[in-house]
Amino acid sequence: MIARLKKGEDFAKVAGEVTEDPSGKANGGDLGYFTKDQMVPEFAEAAFKLDAGQISDPVKTAIRLARHQSRRQTQ
């Protein structure tokens, strides 16, 4: 996913193709608006360090031993 995004592919398109989460497929990985306390700490820390439009490195969390990618859309 990272390589594809670095080449300029659309985040929503790539996320929709690679996610294993059915709701993620339906909305291109868009999680909607959330507060820091609504997410697991590892993901929240990564997401809230980003500037608008910036994409994080993969974030390992304990949720289903998954790796997550994050992109901040707005400030």
N, C-alpha and C. Protein backbone atom coordinates (compact mmCIF):
# COMPACT_ATOMS: atom_id res chain seq x y z
N MET A 1 0.82 -1.18 0.00
CA MET A 1 0.00 0.00 0.00
C MET A 1 0.87 1.25 0.00
N ILE A 2 1.89 1.26 0.82
CA ILE A 2 2.75 2.45 0.91
C ILE A 2 3.39 2.76 -0.44
N ALA A 3 3.91 1.74 -1.08
CA ALA A 3 4.56 1.95 -2.38
C ALA A 3 3.58 2.54 -3.39
N ARG A 4 2.37 2.05 -3.39
CA ARG A 4 1.36 2.55 -4.32
C ARG A 4 1.00 4.00 -4.01
N LEU A 5 0.89 4.32 -2.73
CA LEU A 5 0.55 5.69 -2.35
C LEU A 5 1.69 6.66 -2.68
N LYS A 6 2.93 6.21 -2.48
CA LYS A 6 4.08 7.06 -2.81
C LYS A 6 4.18 7.33 -4.30
N LYS A 7 3.63 6.44 -5.11
CA LYS A 7 3.59 6.65 -6.57
C LYS A 7 2.46 7.57 -6.98
N GLY A 8 1.63 7.96 -6.00
CA GLY A 8 0.58 8.93 -6.28
C GLY A 8 -0.82 8.36 -6.45
N GLU A 9 -0.99 7.06 -6.19
CA GLU A 9 -2.33 6.49 -6.31
C GLU A 9 -3.25 7.08 -5.24
N ASP A 10 -4.53 7.10 -5.52
CA ASP A 10 -5.54 7.64 -4.63
C ASP A 10 -5.69 6.78 -3.38
N PHE A 11 -5.64 7.42 -2.19
CA PHE A 11 -5.73 6.70 -0.92
C PHE A 11 -7.01 5.87 -0.83
N ALA A 12 -8.15 6.47 -1.15
CA ALA A 12 -9.43 5.76 -1.02
C ALA A 12 -9.48 4.54 -1.94
N LYS A 13 -8.96 4.67 -3.14
CA LYS A 13 -8.96 3.56 -4.08
C LYS A 13 -8.10 2.41 -3.56
N VAL A 14 -6.89 2.72 -3.14
CA VAL A 14 -5.96 1.70 -2.64
C VAL A 14 -6.50 1.07 -1.36
N ALA A 15 -6.95 1.90 -0.43
CA ALA A 15 -7.48 1.37 0.84
C ALA A 15 -8.67 0.46 0.60
N GLY A 16 -9.55 0.84 -0.32
CA GLY A 16 -10.71 0.01 -0.64
C GLY A 16 -10.33 -1.33 -1.22
N GLU A 17 -9.20 -1.37 -1.95
CA GLU A 17 -8.75 -2.62 -2.56
C GLU A 17 -8.01 -3.53 -1.58
N VAL A 18 -7.26 -2.96 -0.65
CA VAL A 18 -6.40 -3.79 0.19
C VAL A 18 -6.97 -4.11 1.57
N THR A 19 -7.95 -3.37 2.01
CA THR A 19 -8.49 -3.62 3.35
C THR A 19 -9.24 -4.95 3.41
N GLU A 20 -9.20 -5.55 4.58
CA GLU A 20 -9.97 -6.77 4.82
C GLU A 20 -11.24 -6.46 5.60
N ASP A 21 -11.42 -5.20 5.96
CA ASP A 21 -12.60 -4.77 6.73
C ASP A 21 -13.71 -4.40 5.75
N PRO A 22 -14.86 -5.07 5.83
CA PRO A 22 -15.96 -4.78 4.90
C PRO A 22 -16.39 -3.31 4.89
N SER A 23 -16.43 -2.67 6.06
CA SER A 23 -16.83 -1.27 6.07
C SER A 23 -15.75 -0.39 5.44
N GLY A 24 -14.49 -0.79 5.56
CA GLY A 24 -13.41 -0.06 4.91
C GLY A 24 -13.48 -0.16 3.41
N LYS A 25 -13.85 -1.31 2.90
CA LYS A 25 -14.01 -1.48 1.45
C LYS A 25 -15.10 -0.57 0.92
N ALA A 26 -16.19 -0.46 1.68
CA ALA A 26 -17.34 0.32 1.23
C ALA A 26 -17.05 1.82 1.16
N ASN A 27 -16.14 2.30 2.00
CA ASN A 27 -15.91 3.76 2.03
C ASN A 27 -14.45 4.15 1.81
N GLY A 28 -13.68 3.29 1.17
CA GLY A 28 -12.30 3.63 0.85
C GLY A 28 -11.41 3.87 2.05
N GLY A 29 -11.69 3.19 3.13
CA GLY A 29 -10.86 3.32 4.32
C GLY A 29 -11.17 4.53 5.18
N ASP A 30 -12.17 5.32 4.80
CA ASP A 30 -12.50 6.52 5.56
C ASP A 30 -13.13 6.14 6.90
N LEU A 31 -12.52 6.54 7.99
CA LEU A 31 -13.03 6.24 9.33
C LEU A 31 -13.96 7.32 9.84
N GLY A 32 -14.13 8.37 9.08
CA GLY A 32 -14.95 9.49 9.54
C GLY A 32 -14.20 10.27 10.61
N TYR A 33 -14.90 11.16 11.27
CA TYR A 33 -14.27 11.96 12.31
C TYR A 33 -14.24 11.17 13.61
N PHE A 34 -13.13 11.27 14.33
CA PHE A 34 -13.03 10.60 15.62
C PHE A 34 -12.13 11.40 16.53
N THR A 35 -12.33 11.20 17.81
CA THR A 35 -11.47 11.85 18.80
C THR A 35 -10.36 10.87 19.19
N LYS A 36 -9.32 11.40 19.78
CA LYS A 36 -8.17 10.58 20.16
C LYS A 36 -8.55 9.44 21.08
N ASP A 37 -9.50 9.67 21.98
CA ASP A 37 -9.87 8.64 22.95
C ASP A 37 -10.80 7.56 22.36
N GLN A 38 -11.21 7.71 21.12
CA GLN A 38 -12.08 6.71 20.49
C GLN A 38 -11.30 5.60 19.78
N MET A 39 -10.00 5.75 19.66
CA MET A 39 -9.17 4.78 18.95
C MET A 39 -8.16 4.14 19.91
N VAL A 40 -7.62 3.00 19.51
CA VAL A 40 -6.57 2.39 20.32
C VAL A 40 -5.38 3.35 20.37
N PRO A 41 -4.64 3.37 21.48
CA PRO A 41 -3.58 4.35 21.67
C PRO A 41 -2.56 4.42 20.54
N GLU A 42 -2.10 3.28 20.03
CA GLU A 42 -1.07 3.30 18.97
C GLU A 42 -1.57 4.02 17.73
N PHE A 43 -2.81 3.74 17.36
CA PHE A 43 -3.39 4.35 16.17
C PHE A 43 -3.64 5.84 16.40
N ALA A 44 -4.19 6.18 17.56
CA ALA A 44 -4.50 7.57 17.87
C ALA A 44 -3.23 8.42 17.86
N GLU A 45 -2.15 7.92 18.46
CA GLU A 45 -0.89 8.67 18.49
C GLU A 45 -0.40 8.97 17.08
N ALA A 46 -0.43 7.96 16.22
CA ALA A 46 0.03 8.14 14.85
C ALA A 46 -0.87 9.12 14.09
N ALA A 47 -2.17 8.94 14.21
CA ALA A 47 -3.12 9.76 13.46
C ALA A 47 -3.05 11.23 13.85
N PHE A 48 -2.93 11.50 15.14
CA PHE A 48 -2.98 12.89 15.60
C PHE A 48 -1.63 13.61 15.49
N LYS A 49 -0.60 12.92 15.05
CA LYS A 49 0.68 13.57 14.78
C LYS A 49 0.76 14.07 13.34
N LEU A 50 -0.16 13.62 12.49
CA LEU A 50 -0.12 13.93 11.07
C LEU A 50 -0.63 15.34 10.76
N ASP A 51 -0.05 15.93 9.72
CA ASP A 51 -0.60 17.15 9.16
C ASP A 51 -1.66 16.75 8.14
N ALA A 52 -2.52 17.68 7.77
CA ALA A 52 -3.57 17.40 6.78
C ALA A 52 -2.94 16.85 5.50
N GLY A 53 -3.49 15.73 5.00
CA GLY A 53 -3.01 15.11 3.77
C GLY A 53 -1.83 14.18 3.94
N GLN A 54 -1.18 14.20 5.08
CA GLN A 54 -0.02 13.36 5.33
C GLN A 54 -0.45 11.93 5.62
N ILE A 55 0.37 10.96 5.19
CA ILE A 55 0.08 9.54 5.38
C ILE A 55 1.10 8.96 6.35
N SER A 56 0.63 8.19 7.32
CA SER A 56 1.52 7.61 8.32
C SER A 56 2.22 6.37 7.78
N ASP A 57 3.27 5.99 8.48
CA ASP A 57 3.86 4.67 8.28
C ASP A 57 2.88 3.66 8.85
N PRO A 58 3.03 2.37 8.56
CA PRO A 58 2.13 1.38 9.15
C PRO A 58 2.20 1.44 10.68
N VAL A 59 1.07 1.22 11.31
CA VAL A 59 0.96 1.25 12.77
C VAL A 59 0.48 -0.12 13.22
N LYS A 60 1.28 -0.79 14.03
CA LYS A 60 0.90 -2.11 14.54
C LYS A 60 0.09 -1.93 15.80
N THR A 61 -1.09 -2.56 15.84
CA THR A 61 -1.94 -2.52 17.02
C THR A 61 -2.30 -3.94 17.41
N ALA A 62 -2.89 -4.08 18.57
CA ALA A 62 -3.28 -5.40 19.05
C ALA A 62 -4.60 -5.88 18.45
N ILE A 63 -5.31 -5.02 17.77
CA ILE A 63 -6.60 -5.39 17.19
C ILE A 63 -6.38 -6.37 16.05
N ARG A 64 -6.81 -7.58 16.25
CA ARG A 64 -6.67 -8.65 15.27
C ARG A 64 -5.27 -8.72 14.68
N LEU A 65 -4.30 -8.32 15.46
CA LEU A 65 -2.91 -8.31 15.00
C LEU A 65 -2.78 -7.66 13.64
N ALA A 66 -3.50 -6.58 13.46
CA ALA A 66 -3.53 -5.89 12.16
C ALA A 66 -2.52 -4.76 12.12
N ARG A 67 -2.22 -4.36 10.91
CA ARG A 67 -1.43 -3.15 10.70
C ARG A 67 -2.36 -2.14 10.05
N HIS A 68 -2.24 -0.89 10.47
CA HIS A 68 -3.14 0.14 10.00
C HIS A 68 -2.35 1.27 9.36
N GLN A 69 -2.95 1.88 8.39
CA GLN A 69 -2.39 3.05 7.73
C GLN A 69 -3.33 4.19 8.02
N SER A 70 -2.82 5.36 8.18
CA SER A 70 -3.66 6.50 8.52
C SER A 70 -3.33 7.68 7.62
N ARG A 71 -4.37 8.43 7.23
CA ARG A 71 -4.17 9.67 6.50
C ARG A 71 -5.07 10.72 7.14
N ARG A 72 -4.47 11.82 7.49
CA ARG A 72 -5.27 12.90 8.08
C ARG A 72 -5.81 13.76 6.97
N GLN A 73 -7.13 13.98 6.98
CA GLN A 73 -7.76 14.75 5.92
C GLN A 73 -7.92 16.22 6.25
N THR A 74 -8.26 16.55 7.48
CA THR A 74 -8.49 17.94 7.84
C THR A 74 -7.79 18.25 9.15
N GLN A 75 -7.74 19.54 9.47
CA GLN A 75 -7.09 19.96 10.70
C GLN A 75 -8.03 19.90 11.83
